[in-house]
Amino acid sequence: MANKYREKMSRLNRAKQFAPFDALSGLSIALAEVRRRHNAVEKTEMGEEELKELNDTFMKLKKHDLIKCVYYEDGEYLERSGELTGIYIEIRTIEIDRMKISMDDILELYILEEV
């Protein structure tokens, strides 16, 4: 006659039975990308007065200023705040906490704290 009792399962093996299973791996990532593209907005064209205001702010920037920037990237407007770690006029780029942002993509720029 066969043994009626099984050996007790370890906690690790028992936990594996209840682990989530993604049968369609990558589907959630693909859906997020489709959703992002669907919600994409066009880049706003700025008027002459807005460009002058933005240019005046660029002229006041100094390295290590604390700034806030609203910029366009991949169909959406993003906001970034932090220390200005670089200004590269020749390639029209600024760097906030080591992240480079094209000056042409900036919609709004604020100096929060000057050094």
PDB file of N, CA and C in Angstrom:
ATOM      1  N   MET A   1       0.818  -1.163   0.000  1.00  0.00           N
ATOM      2  CA  MET A   1       0.000   0.000   0.000  1.00  0.00           C
ATOM      3  C   MET A   1       0.876   1.245   0.000  1.00  0.00           C
ATOM      4  N   ALA A   2       0.458   2.260  -0.807  1.00  0.00           N
ATOM      5  CA  ALA A   2       1.247   3.484  -0.949  1.00  0.00           C
ATOM      6  C   ALA A   2       1.124   4.359   0.291  1.00  0.00           C
ATOM      7  N   ASN A   3       2.147   5.143   0.510  1.00  0.00           N
ATOM      8  CA  ASN A   3       2.176   6.058   1.646  1.00  0.00           C
ATOM      9  C   ASN A   3       1.103   7.142   1.466  1.00  0.00           C
ATOM     10  N   LYS A   4       0.235   7.335   2.440  1.00  0.00           N
ATOM     11  CA  LYS A   4      -0.844   8.311   2.353  1.00  0.00           C
ATOM     12  C   LYS A   4      -0.351   9.738   2.540  1.00  0.00           C
ATOM     13  N   TYR A   5       0.728   9.901   3.184  1.00  0.00           N
ATOM     14  CA  TYR A   5       1.208  11.243   3.522  1.00  0.00           C
ATOM     15  C   TYR A   5       2.354  11.653   2.604  1.00  0.00           C
ATOM     16  N   ARG A   6       2.283  12.906   2.156  1.00  0.00           N
ATOM     17  CA  ARG A   6       3.371  13.460   1.343  1.00  0.00           C
ATOM     18  C   ARG A   6       4.331  14.205   2.255  1.00  0.00           C
ATOM     19  N   GLU A   7       5.524  14.409   1.724  1.00  0.00           N
ATOM     20  CA  GLU A   7       6.496  15.196   2.461  1.00  0.00           C
ATOM     21  C   GLU A   7       6.041  16.648   2.467  1.00  0.00           C
ATOM     22  N   LYS A   8       6.288  17.346   3.545  1.00  0.00           N
ATOM     23  CA  LYS A   8       5.871  18.735   3.651  1.00  0.00           C
ATOM     24  C   LYS A   8       6.654  19.590   2.650  1.00  0.00           C
ATOM     25  N   MET A   9       5.939  20.483   1.935  1.00  0.00           N
ATOM     26  CA  MET A   9       6.553  21.345   0.921  1.00  0.00           C
ATOM     27  C   MET A   9       7.275  22.501   1.604  1.00  0.00           C
ATOM     28  N   SER A  10       8.438  22.886   1.071  1.00  0.00           N
ATOM     29  CA  SER A  10       9.173  24.014   1.653  1.00  0.00           C
ATOM     30  C   SER A  10       8.398  25.312   1.408  1.00  0.00           C
ATOM     31  N   ARG A  11       8.653  26.312   2.219  1.00  0.00           N
ATOM     32  CA  ARG A  11       7.968  27.599   2.065  1.00  0.00           C
ATOM     33  C   ARG A  11       8.247  28.214   0.697  1.00  0.00           C
ATOM     34  N   LEU A  12       9.465  28.112   0.207  1.00  0.00           N
ATOM     35  CA  LEU A  12       9.825  28.688  -1.091  1.00  0.00           C
ATOM     36  C   LEU A  12       9.018  28.039  -2.216  1.00  0.00           C
ATOM     37  N   ASN A  13       8.948  26.718  -2.228  1.00  0.00           N
ATOM     38  CA  ASN A  13       8.189  26.029  -3.270  1.00  0.00           C
ATOM     39  C   ASN A  13       6.695  26.328  -3.153  1.00  0.00           C
ATOM     40  N   ARG A  14       6.226  26.446  -1.939  1.00  0.00           N
ATOM     41  CA  ARG A  14       4.806  26.753  -1.742  1.00  0.00           C
ATOM     42  C   ARG A  14       4.489  28.157  -2.266  1.00  0.00           C
ATOM     43  N   ALA A  15       5.379  29.122  -2.018  1.00  0.00           N
ATOM     44  CA  ALA A  15       5.183  30.498  -2.481  1.00  0.00           C
ATOM     45  C   ALA A  15       5.194  30.575  -4.005  1.00  0.00           C
ATOM     46  N   LYS A  16       5.978  29.740  -4.666  1.00  0.00           N
ATOM     47  CA  LYS A  16       6.052  29.748  -6.131  1.00  0.00           C
ATOM     48  C   LYS A  16       4.707  29.420  -6.764  1.00  0.00           C
ATOM     49  N   GLN A  17       3.879  28.674  -6.080  1.00  0.00           N
ATOM     50  CA  GLN A  17       2.565  28.312  -6.613  1.00  0.00           C
ATOM     51  C   GLN A  17       1.675  29.531  -6.801  1.00  0.00           C
ATOM     52  N   PHE A  18       1.903  30.547  -5.980  1.00  0.00           N
ATOM     53  CA  PHE A  18       1.036  31.712  -5.995  1.00  0.00           C
ATOM     54  C   PHE A  18       1.690  32.931  -6.646  1.00  0.00           C
ATOM     55  N   ALA A  19       2.844  32.757  -7.265  1.00  0.00           N
ATOM     56  CA  ALA A  19       3.531  33.866  -7.920  1.00  0.00           C
ATOM     57  C   ALA A  19       2.737  34.297  -9.160  1.00  0.00           C
ATOM     58  N   PRO A  20       2.735  35.612  -9.465  1.00  0.00           N
ATOM     59  CA  PRO A  20       2.007  36.067 -10.645  1.00  0.00           C
ATOM     60  C   PRO A  20       2.643  35.513 -11.922  1.00  0.00           C
ATOM     61  N   PHE A  21       1.795  35.283 -12.902  1.00  0.00           N
ATOM     62  CA  PHE A  21       2.257  34.719 -14.158  1.00  0.00           C
ATOM     63  C   PHE A  21       1.794  35.631 -15.285  1.00  0.00           C
ATOM     64  N   ASP A  22       2.721  36.080 -16.098  1.00  0.00           N
ATOM     65  CA  ASP A  22       2.416  36.957 -17.225  1.00  0.00           C
ATOM     66  C   ASP A  22       2.504  36.134 -18.509  1.00  0.00           C
ATOM     67  N   ALA A  23       1.386  35.612 -18.932  1.00  0.00           N
ATOM     68  CA  ALA A  23       1.363  34.752 -20.121  1.00  0.00           C
ATOM     69  C   ALA A  23       1.738  35.523 -21.379  1.00  0.00           C
ATOM     70  N   LEU A  24       1.424  36.800 -21.413  1.00  0.00           N
ATOM     71  CA  LEU A  24       1.738  37.626 -22.580  1.00  0.00           C
ATOM     72  C   LEU A  24       2.810  38.637 -22.185  1.00  0.00           C
ATOM     73  N   SER A  25       3.996  38.142 -21.932  1.00  0.00           N
ATOM     74  CA  SER A  25       5.060  39.030 -21.475  1.00  0.00           C
ATOM     75  C   SER A  25       5.325  40.113 -22.522  1.00  0.00           C
ATOM     76  N   GLY A  26       5.466  41.318 -22.041  1.00  0.00           N
ATOM     77  CA  GLY A  26       5.718  42.449 -22.925  1.00  0.00           C
ATOM     78  C   GLY A  26       4.452  43.167 -23.378  1.00  0.00           C
ATOM     79  N   LEU A  27       3.301  42.559 -23.162  1.00  0.00           N
ATOM     80  CA  LEU A  27       2.051  43.182 -23.597  1.00  0.00           C
ATOM     81  C   LEU A  27       1.804  44.502 -22.873  1.00  0.00           C
ATOM     82  N   SER A  28       2.038  44.531 -21.584  1.00  0.00           N
ATOM     83  CA  SER A  28       1.793  45.762 -20.816  1.00  0.00           C
ATOM     84  C   SER A  28       2.709  46.890 -21.292  1.00  0.00           C
ATOM     85  N   ILE A  29       3.935  46.575 -21.661  1.00  0.00           N
ATOM     86  CA  ILE A  29       4.871  47.580 -22.176  1.00  0.00           C
ATOM     87  C   ILE A  29       4.391  48.100 -23.528  1.00  0.00           C
ATOM     88  N   ALA A  30       3.964  47.184 -24.401  1.00  0.00           N
ATOM     89  CA  ALA A  30       3.471  47.576 -25.721  1.00  0.00           C
ATOM     90  C   ALA A  30       2.214  48.433 -25.606  1.00  0.00           C
ATOM     91  N   LEU A  31       1.320  48.086 -24.693  1.00  0.00           N
ATOM     92  CA  LEU A  31       0.102  48.875 -24.499  1.00  0.00           C
ATOM     93  C   LEU A  31       0.424  50.270 -23.966  1.00  0.00           C
ATOM     94  N   ALA A  32       1.394  50.360 -23.090  1.00  0.00           N
ATOM     95  CA  ALA A  32       1.802  51.663 -22.555  1.00  0.00           C
ATOM     96  C   ALA A  32       2.367  52.538 -23.669  1.00  0.00           C
ATOM     97  N   GLU A  33       3.125  51.960 -24.573  1.00  0.00           N
ATOM     98  CA  GLU A  33       3.696  52.702 -25.704  1.00  0.00           C
ATOM     99  C   GLU A  33       2.597  53.185 -26.643  1.00  0.00           C
ATOM    100  N   VAL A  34       1.621  52.336 -26.929  1.00  0.00           N
ATOM    101  CA  VAL A  34       0.495  52.731 -27.783  1.00  0.00           C
ATOM    102  C   VAL A  34      -0.291  53.858 -27.122  1.00  0.00           C
ATOM    103  N   ARG A  35      -0.524  53.747 -25.822  1.00  0.00           N
ATOM    104  CA  ARG A  35      -1.241  54.772 -25.074  1.00  0.00           C
ATOM    105  C   ARG A  35      -0.477  56.091 -25.110  1.00  0.00           C
ATOM    106  N   ARG A  36       0.850  56.028 -24.963  1.00  0.00           N
ATOM    107  CA  ARG A  36       1.685  57.233 -24.992  1.00  0.00           C
ATOM    108  C   ARG A  36       1.600  57.906 -26.353  1.00  0.00           C
ATOM    109  N   ARG A  37       1.698  57.117 -27.429  1.00  0.00           N
ATOM    110  CA  ARG A  37       1.620  57.689 -28.778  1.00  0.00           C
ATOM    111  C   ARG A  37       0.237  58.265 -29.063  1.00  0.00           C
ATOM    112  N   HIS A  38      -0.788  57.616 -28.555  1.00  0.00           N
ATOM    113  CA  HIS A  38      -2.156  58.087 -28.771  1.00  0.00           C
ATOM    114  C   HIS A  38      -2.399  59.427 -28.073  1.00  0.00           C
ATOM    115  N   ASN A  39      -1.791  59.612 -26.922  1.00  0.00           N
ATOM    116  CA  ASN A  39      -1.967  60.835 -26.142  1.00  0.00           C
ATOM    117  C   ASN A  39      -0.944  61.910 -26.480  1.00  0.00           C
ATOM    118  N   ALA A  40      -0.125  61.687 -27.501  1.00  0.00           N
ATOM    119  CA  ALA A  40       0.924  62.630 -27.866  1.00  0.00           C
ATOM    120  C   ALA A  40       0.325  63.974 -28.293  1.00  0.00           C
ATOM    121  N   VAL A  41       1.025  65.033 -27.971  1.00  0.00           N
ATOM    122  CA  VAL A  41       0.614  66.383 -28.359  1.00  0.00           C
ATOM    123  C   VAL A  41       1.655  66.967 -29.302  1.00  0.00           C
ATOM    124  N   GLU A  42       1.218  67.930 -30.091  1.00  0.00           N
ATOM    125  CA  GLU A  42       2.154  68.593 -30.996  1.00  0.00           C
ATOM    126  C   GLU A  42       2.916  69.666 -30.234  1.00  0.00           C
ATOM    127  N   LYS A  43       4.105  69.934 -30.711  1.00  0.00           N
ATOM    128  CA  LYS A  43       4.949  70.948 -30.096  1.00  0.00           C
ATOM    129  C   LYS A  43       4.337  72.329 -30.347  1.00  0.00           C
ATOM    130  N   THR A  44       4.245  73.133 -29.304  1.00  0.00           N
ATOM    131  CA  THR A  44       3.679  74.473 -29.382  1.00  0.00           C
ATOM    132  C   THR A  44       4.670  75.426 -30.030  1.00  0.00           C
ATOM    133  N   GLU A  45       4.176  76.194 -31.003  1.00  0.00           N
ATOM    134  CA  GLU A  45       5.007  77.242 -31.605  1.00  0.00           C
ATOM    135  C   GLU A  45       4.870  78.494 -30.747  1.00  0.00           C
ATOM    136  N   MET A  46       5.999  79.056 -30.365  1.00  0.00           N
ATOM    137  CA  MET A  46       5.970  80.209 -29.477  1.00  0.00           C
ATOM    138  C   MET A  46       5.959  81.499 -30.282  1.00  0.00           C
ATOM    139  N   GLY A  47       5.288  82.503 -29.711  1.00  0.00           N
ATOM    140  CA  GLY A  47       5.230  83.816 -30.338  1.00  0.00           C
ATOM    141  C   GLY A  47       6.516  84.597 -30.083  1.00  0.00           C
ATOM    142  N   GLU A  48       6.616  85.746 -30.746  1.00  0.00           N
ATOM    143  CA  GLU A  48       7.823  86.570 -30.652  1.00  0.00           C
ATOM    144  C   GLU A  48       8.084  87.051 -29.228  1.00  0.00           C
ATOM    145  N   GLU A  49       7.015  87.451 -28.534  1.00  0.00           N
ATOM    146  CA  GLU A  49       7.162  87.942 -27.157  1.00  0.00           C
ATOM    147  C   GLU A  49       7.631  86.827 -26.222  1.00  0.00           C
ATOM    148  N   GLU A  50       7.073  85.621 -26.383  1.00  0.00           N
ATOM    149  CA  GLU A  50       7.466  84.475 -25.550  1.00  0.00           C
ATOM    150  C   GLU A  50       8.924  84.088 -25.807  1.00  0.00           C
ATOM    151  N   LEU A  51       9.331  84.142 -27.073  1.00  0.00           N
ATOM    152  CA  LEU A  51      10.731  83.829 -27.410  1.00  0.00           C
ATOM    153  C   LEU A  51      11.679  84.848 -26.794  1.00  0.00           C
ATOM    154  N   LYS A  52      11.301  86.123 -26.808  1.00  0.00           N
ATOM    155  CA  LYS A  52      12.139  87.166 -26.220  1.00  0.00           C
ATOM    156  C   LYS A  52      12.278  86.947 -24.709  1.00  0.00           C
ATOM    157  N   GLU A  53      11.152  86.614 -24.059  1.00  0.00           N
ATOM    158  CA  GLU A  53      11.164  86.345 -22.615  1.00  0.00           C
ATOM    159  C   GLU A  53      12.076  85.161 -22.275  1.00  0.00           C
ATOM    160  N   LEU A  54      11.962  84.103 -23.070  1.00  0.00           N
ATOM    161  CA  LEU A  54      12.791  82.912 -22.866  1.00  0.00           C
ATOM    162  C   LEU A  54      14.264  83.239 -23.090  1.00  0.00           C
ATOM    163  N   ASN A  55      14.548  84.016 -24.131  1.00  0.00           N
ATOM    164  CA  ASN A  55      15.924  84.406 -24.428  1.00  0.00           C
ATOM    165  C   ASN A  55      16.511  85.238 -23.296  1.00  0.00           C
ATOM    166  N   ASP A  56      15.707  86.149 -22.728  1.00  0.00           N
ATOM    167  CA  ASP A  56      16.175  86.960 -21.600  1.00  0.00           C
ATOM    168  C   ASP A  56      16.543  86.070 -20.408  1.00  0.00           C
ATOM    169  N   THR A  57      15.745  85.031 -20.171  1.00  0.00           N
ATOM    170  CA  THR A  57      16.040  84.100 -19.074  1.00  0.00           C
ATOM    171  C   THR A  57      17.321  83.332 -19.359  1.00  0.00           C
ATOM    172  N   PHE A  58      17.521  82.910 -20.622  1.00  0.00           N
ATOM    173  CA  PHE A  58      18.765  82.219 -20.997  1.00  0.00           C
ATOM    174  C   PHE A  58      19.977  83.094 -20.703  1.00  0.00           C
ATOM    175  N   MET A  59      19.866  84.384 -20.968  1.00  0.00           N
ATOM    176  CA  MET A  59      20.991  85.302 -20.784  1.00  0.00           C
ATOM    177  C   MET A  59      21.351  85.468 -19.298  1.00  0.00           C
ATOM    178  N   LYS A  60      20.377  85.262 -18.408  1.00  0.00           N
ATOM    179  CA  LYS A  60      20.614  85.416 -16.969  1.00  0.00           C
ATOM    180  C   LYS A  60      21.174  84.157 -16.317  1.00  0.00           C
ATOM    181  N   LEU A  61      21.112  83.035 -17.020  1.00  0.00           N
ATOM    182  CA  LEU A  61      21.537  81.761 -16.434  1.00  0.00           C
ATOM    183  C   LEU A  61      23.012  81.747 -16.088  1.00  0.00           C
ATOM    184  N   LYS A  62      23.297  81.163 -14.927  1.00  0.00           N
ATOM    185  CA  LYS A  62      24.677  80.918 -14.512  1.00  0.00           C
ATOM    186  C   LYS A  62      24.773  79.474 -14.032  1.00  0.00           C
ATOM    187  N   LYS A  63      25.905  78.880 -14.239  1.00  0.00           N
ATOM    188  CA  LYS A  63      26.118  77.501 -13.793  1.00  0.00           C
ATOM    189  C   LYS A  63      25.845  77.411 -12.298  1.00  0.00           C
ATOM    190  N   HIS A  64      25.199  76.344 -11.883  1.00  0.00           N
ATOM    191  CA  HIS A  64      24.833  76.020 -10.508  1.00  0.00           C
ATOM    192  C   HIS A  64      23.573  76.739 -10.017  1.00  0.00           C
ATOM    193  N   ASP A  65      22.901  77.530 -10.899  1.00  0.00           N
ATOM    194  CA  ASP A  65      21.599  78.084 -10.536  1.00  0.00           C
ATOM    195  C   ASP A  65      20.619  76.930 -10.366  1.00  0.00           C
ATOM    196  N   LEU A  66      19.639  77.117  -9.516  1.00  0.00           N
ATOM    197  CA  LEU A  66      18.560  76.150  -9.370  1.00  0.00           C
ATOM    198  C   LEU A  66      17.451  76.609 -10.311  1.00  0.00           C
ATOM    199  N   ILE A  67      17.091  75.753 -11.284  1.00  0.00           N
ATOM    200  CA  ILE A  67      16.125  76.165 -12.298  1.00  0.00           C
ATOM    201  C   ILE A  67      15.004  75.139 -12.453  1.00  0.00           C
ATOM    202  N   LYS A  68      13.933  75.593 -13.100  1.00  0.00           N
ATOM    203  CA  LYS A  68      12.805  74.726 -13.448  1.00  0.00           C
ATOM    204  C   LYS A  68      12.557  74.921 -14.939  1.00  0.00           C
ATOM    205  N   CYS A  69      12.365  73.817 -15.644  1.00  0.00           N
ATOM    206  CA  CYS A  69      12.257  73.864 -17.090  1.00  0.00           C
ATOM    207  C   CYS A  69      11.095  72.981 -17.558  1.00  0.00           C
ATOM    208  N   VAL A  70      10.271  73.507 -18.464  1.00  0.00           N
ATOM    209  CA  VAL A  70       9.223  72.722 -19.116  1.00  0.00           C
ATOM    210  C   VAL A  70       9.677  72.553 -20.557  1.00  0.00           C
ATOM    211  N   TYR A  71       9.808  71.294 -21.001  1.00  0.00           N
ATOM    212  CA  TYR A  71      10.339  71.032 -22.335  1.00  0.00           C
ATOM    213  C   TYR A  71       9.554  69.929 -23.039  1.00  0.00           C
ATOM    214  N   TYR A  72       9.695  69.888 -24.358  1.00  0.00           N
ATOM    215  CA  TYR A  72       8.984  68.942 -25.208  1.00  0.00           C
ATOM    216  C   TYR A  72       9.888  67.758 -25.527  1.00  0.00           C
ATOM    217  N   GLU A  73       9.349  66.548 -25.345  1.00  0.00           N
ATOM    218  CA  GLU A  73      10.128  65.347 -25.683  1.00  0.00           C
ATOM    219  C   GLU A  73       9.175  64.212 -26.038  1.00  0.00           C
ATOM    220  N   ASP A  74       9.359  63.638 -27.204  1.00  0.00           N
ATOM    221  CA  ASP A  74       8.590  62.468 -27.648  1.00  0.00           C
ATOM    222  C   ASP A  74       7.075  62.630 -27.503  1.00  0.00           C
ATOM    223  N   GLY A  75       6.547  63.755 -27.972  1.00  0.00           N
ATOM    224  CA  GLY A  75       5.108  63.932 -27.994  1.00  0.00           C
ATOM    225  C   GLY A  75       4.471  64.370 -26.705  1.00  0.00           C
ATOM    226  N   GLU A  76       5.260  64.779 -25.723  1.00  0.00           N
ATOM    227  CA  GLU A  76       4.678  65.249 -24.468  1.00  0.00           C
ATOM    228  C   GLU A  76       5.562  66.320 -23.845  1.00  0.00           C
ATOM    229  N   TYR A  77       4.948  67.126 -23.000  1.00  0.00           N
ATOM    230  CA  TYR A  77       5.686  68.147 -22.265  1.00  0.00           C
ATOM    231  C   TYR A  77       6.052  67.601 -20.892  1.00  0.00           C
ATOM    232  N   LEU A  78       7.318  67.734 -20.560  1.00  0.00           N
ATOM    233  CA  LEU A  78       7.842  67.249 -19.289  1.00  0.00           C
ATOM    234  C   LEU A  78       8.388  68.422 -18.495  1.00  0.00           C
ATOM    235  N   GLU A  79       8.499  68.241 -17.202  1.00  0.00           N
ATOM    236  CA  GLU A  79       9.034  69.279 -16.333  1.00  0.00           C
ATOM    237  C   GLU A  79      10.241  68.723 -15.594  1.00  0.00           C
ATOM    238  N   ARG A  80      11.266  69.530 -15.496  1.00  0.00           N
ATOM    239  CA  ARG A  80      12.478  69.109 -14.794  1.00  0.00           C
ATOM    240  C   ARG A  80      12.978  70.274 -13.959  1.00  0.00           C
ATOM    241  N   SER A  81      13.298  70.015 -12.715  1.00  0.00           N
ATOM    242  CA  SER A  81      13.873  71.019 -11.830  1.00  0.00           C
ATOM    243  C   SER A  81      15.190  70.488 -11.297  1.00  0.00           C
ATOM    244  N   GLY A  82      16.125  71.392 -11.066  1.00  0.00           N
ATOM    245  CA  GLY A  82      17.396  70.977 -10.505  1.00  0.00           C
ATOM    246  C   GLY A  82      18.479  71.997 -10.750  1.00  0.00           C
ATOM    247  N   GLU A  83      19.685  71.576 -10.482  1.00  0.00           N
ATOM    248  CA  GLU A  83      20.848  72.454 -10.642  1.00  0.00           C
ATOM    249  C   GLU A  83      21.284  72.503 -12.102  1.00  0.00           C
ATOM    250  N   LEU A  84      21.550  73.702 -12.581  1.00  0.00           N
ATOM    251  CA  LEU A  84      22.065  73.879 -13.936  1.00  0.00           C
ATOM    252  C   LEU A  84      23.534  73.473 -13.931  1.00  0.00           C
ATOM    253  N   THR A  85      23.839  72.338 -14.550  1.00  0.00           N
ATOM    254  CA  THR A  85      25.208  71.820 -14.519  1.00  0.00           C
ATOM    255  C   THR A  85      25.982  72.131 -15.786  1.00  0.00           C
ATOM    256  N   GLY A  86      25.324  72.682 -16.801  1.00  0.00           N
ATOM    257  CA  GLY A  86      26.039  73.042 -18.019  1.00  0.00           C
ATOM    258  C   GLY A  86      25.195  73.884 -18.956  1.00  0.00           C
ATOM    259  N   ILE A  87      25.867  74.831 -19.638  1.00  0.00           N
ATOM    260  CA  ILE A  87      25.240  75.645 -20.677  1.00  0.00           C
ATOM    261  C   ILE A  87      26.138  75.534 -21.903  1.00  0.00           C
ATOM    262  N   TYR A  88      25.605  75.018 -23.008  1.00  0.00           N
ATOM    263  CA  TYR A  88      26.386  74.807 -24.219  1.00  0.00           C
ATOM    264  C   TYR A  88      25.744  75.584 -25.363  1.00  0.00           C
ATOM    265  N   ILE A  89      26.148  76.844 -25.489  1.00  0.00           N
ATOM    266  CA  ILE A  89      25.568  77.742 -26.490  1.00  0.00           C
ATOM    267  C   ILE A  89      25.819  77.222 -27.907  1.00  0.00           C
ATOM    268  N   GLU A  90      27.020  76.696 -28.157  1.00  0.00           N
ATOM    269  CA  GLU A  90      27.383  76.258 -29.511  1.00  0.00           C
ATOM    270  C   GLU A  90      26.517  75.107 -30.024  1.00  0.00           C
ATOM    271  N   ILE A  91      26.007  74.274 -29.131  1.00  0.00           N
ATOM    272  CA  ILE A  91      25.116  73.180 -29.565  1.00  0.00           C
ATOM    273  C   ILE A  91      23.689  73.385 -29.067  1.00  0.00           C
ATOM    274  N   ARG A  92      23.405  74.597 -28.552  1.00  0.00           N
ATOM    275  CA  ARG A  92      22.063  74.997 -28.106  1.00  0.00           C
ATOM    276  C   ARG A  92      21.455  73.988 -27.134  1.00  0.00           C
ATOM    277  N   THR A  93      22.192  73.711 -26.064  1.00  0.00           N
ATOM    278  CA  THR A  93      21.778  72.719 -25.071  1.00  0.00           C
ATOM    279  C   THR A  93      22.082  73.228 -23.672  1.00  0.00           C
ATOM    280  N   ILE A  94      21.185  72.908 -22.737  1.00  0.00           N
ATOM    281  CA  ILE A  94      21.484  73.134 -21.329  1.00  0.00           C
ATOM    282  C   ILE A  94      21.466  71.771 -20.639  1.00  0.00           C
ATOM    283  N   GLU A  95      22.059  71.727 -19.463  1.00  0.00           N
ATOM    284  CA  GLU A  95      22.151  70.474 -18.720  1.00  0.00           C
ATOM    285  C   GLU A  95      21.648  70.717 -17.299  1.00  0.00           C
ATOM    286  N   ILE A  96      20.616  69.968 -16.926  1.00  0.00           N
ATOM    287  CA  ILE A  96      20.058  70.064 -15.571  1.00  0.00           C
ATOM    288  C   ILE A  96      20.346  68.742 -14.869  1.00  0.00           C
ATOM    289  N   ASP A  97      21.135  68.803 -13.813  1.00  0.00           N
ATOM    290  CA  ASP A  97      21.529  67.587 -13.080  1.00  0.00           C
ATOM    291  C   ASP A  97      22.025  66.499 -14.038  1.00  0.00           C
ATOM    292  N   ARG A  98      22.887  66.867 -14.939  1.00  0.00           N
ATOM    293  CA  ARG A  98      23.539  65.960 -15.906  1.00  0.00           C
ATOM    294  C   ARG A  98      22.613  65.425 -17.004  1.00  0.00           C
ATOM    295  N   MET A  99      21.408  65.992 -17.121  1.00  0.00           N
ATOM    296  CA  MET A  99      20.503  65.593 -18.205  1.00  0.00           C
ATOM    297  C   MET A  99      20.447  66.727 -19.220  1.00  0.00           C
ATOM    298  N   LYS A 100      20.788  66.419 -20.476  1.00  0.00           N
ATOM    299  CA  LYS A 100      20.841  67.447 -21.514  1.00  0.00           C
ATOM    300  C   LYS A 100      19.469  67.669 -22.134  1.00  0.00           C
ATOM    301  N   ILE A 101      19.140  68.962 -22.321  1.00  0.00           N
ATOM    302  CA  ILE A 101      17.870  69.365 -22.922  1.00  0.00           C
ATOM    303  C   ILE A 101      18.173  70.403 -23.994  1.00  0.00           C
ATOM    304  N   SER A 102      17.623  70.190 -25.186  1.00  0.00           N
ATOM    305  CA  SER A 102      17.816  71.131 -26.282  1.00  0.00           C
ATOM    306  C   SER A 102      17.088  72.434 -25.980  1.00  0.00           C
ATOM    307  N   MET A 103      17.757  73.544 -26.236  1.00  0.00           N
ATOM    308  CA  MET A 103      17.136  74.848 -26.019  1.00  0.00           C
ATOM    309  C   MET A 103      15.919  75.032 -26.920  1.00  0.00           C
ATOM    310  N   ASP A 104      15.926  74.399 -28.077  1.00  0.00           N
ATOM    311  CA  ASP A 104      14.816  74.520 -29.027  1.00  0.00           C
ATOM    312  C   ASP A 104      13.552  73.820 -28.533  1.00  0.00           C
ATOM    313  N   ASP A 105      13.675  72.912 -27.570  1.00  0.00           N
ATOM    314  CA  ASP A 105      12.530  72.171 -27.047  1.00  0.00           C
ATOM    315  C   ASP A 105      11.955  72.778 -25.773  1.00  0.00           C
ATOM    316  N   ILE A 106      12.586  73.825 -25.275  1.00  0.00           N
ATOM    317  CA  ILE A 106      12.151  74.433 -24.011  1.00  0.00           C
ATOM    318  C   ILE A 106      10.981  75.378 -24.250  1.00  0.00           C
ATOM    319  N   LEU A 107       9.926  75.186 -23.474  1.00  0.00           N
ATOM    320  CA  LEU A 107       8.745  76.045 -23.553  1.00  0.00           C
ATOM    321  C   LEU A 107       8.779  77.102 -22.454  1.00  0.00           C
ATOM    322  N   GLU A 108       9.157  76.707 -21.249  1.00  0.00           N
ATOM    323  CA  GLU A 108       9.220  77.627 -20.117  1.00  0.00           C
ATOM    324  C   GLU A 108      10.504  77.376 -19.340  1.00  0.00           C
ATOM    325  N   LEU A 109      11.071  78.435 -18.790  1.00  0.00           N
ATOM    326  CA  LEU A 109      12.304  78.331 -18.019  1.00  0.00           C
ATOM    327  C   LEU A 109      12.252  79.338 -16.881  1.00  0.00           C
ATOM    328  N   TYR A 110      12.467  78.860 -15.658  1.00  0.00           N
ATOM    329  CA  TYR A 110      12.413  79.720 -14.484  1.00  0.00           C
ATOM    330  C   TYR A 110      13.683  79.533 -13.665  1.00  0.00           C
ATOM    331  N   ILE A 111      14.211  80.629 -13.178  1.00  0.00           N
ATOM    332  CA  ILE A 111      15.346  80.569 -12.247  1.00  0.00           C
ATOM    333  C   ILE A 111      14.745  80.597 -10.844  1.00  0.00           C
ATOM    334  N   LEU A 112      14.882  79.489 -10.122  1.00  0.00           N
ATOM    335  CA  LEU A 112      14.316  79.365  -8.779  1.00  0.00           C
ATOM    336  C   LEU A 112      15.224  79.975  -7.724  1.00  0.00           C
ATOM    337  N   GLU A 113      16.534  79.786  -7.928  1.00  0.00           N
ATOM    338  CA  GLU A 113      17.504  80.294  -6.948  1.00  0.00           C
ATOM    339  C   GLU A 113      18.817  80.537  -7.668  1.00  0.00           C
ATOM    340  N   GLU A 114      19.316  81.766  -7.541  1.00  0.00           N
ATOM    341  CA  GLU A 114      20.587  82.116  -8.184  1.00  0.00           C
ATOM    342  C   GLU A 114      21.749  81.887  -7.231  1.00  0.00           C
ATOM    343  N   VAL A 115      22.927  81.599  -7.808  1.00  0.00           N
ATOM    344  CA  VAL A 115      24.117  81.455  -6.981  1.00  0.00           C
ATOM    345  C   VAL A 115      24.857  82.753  -6.891  1.00  0.00           C
TER     346      VAL A 115
END
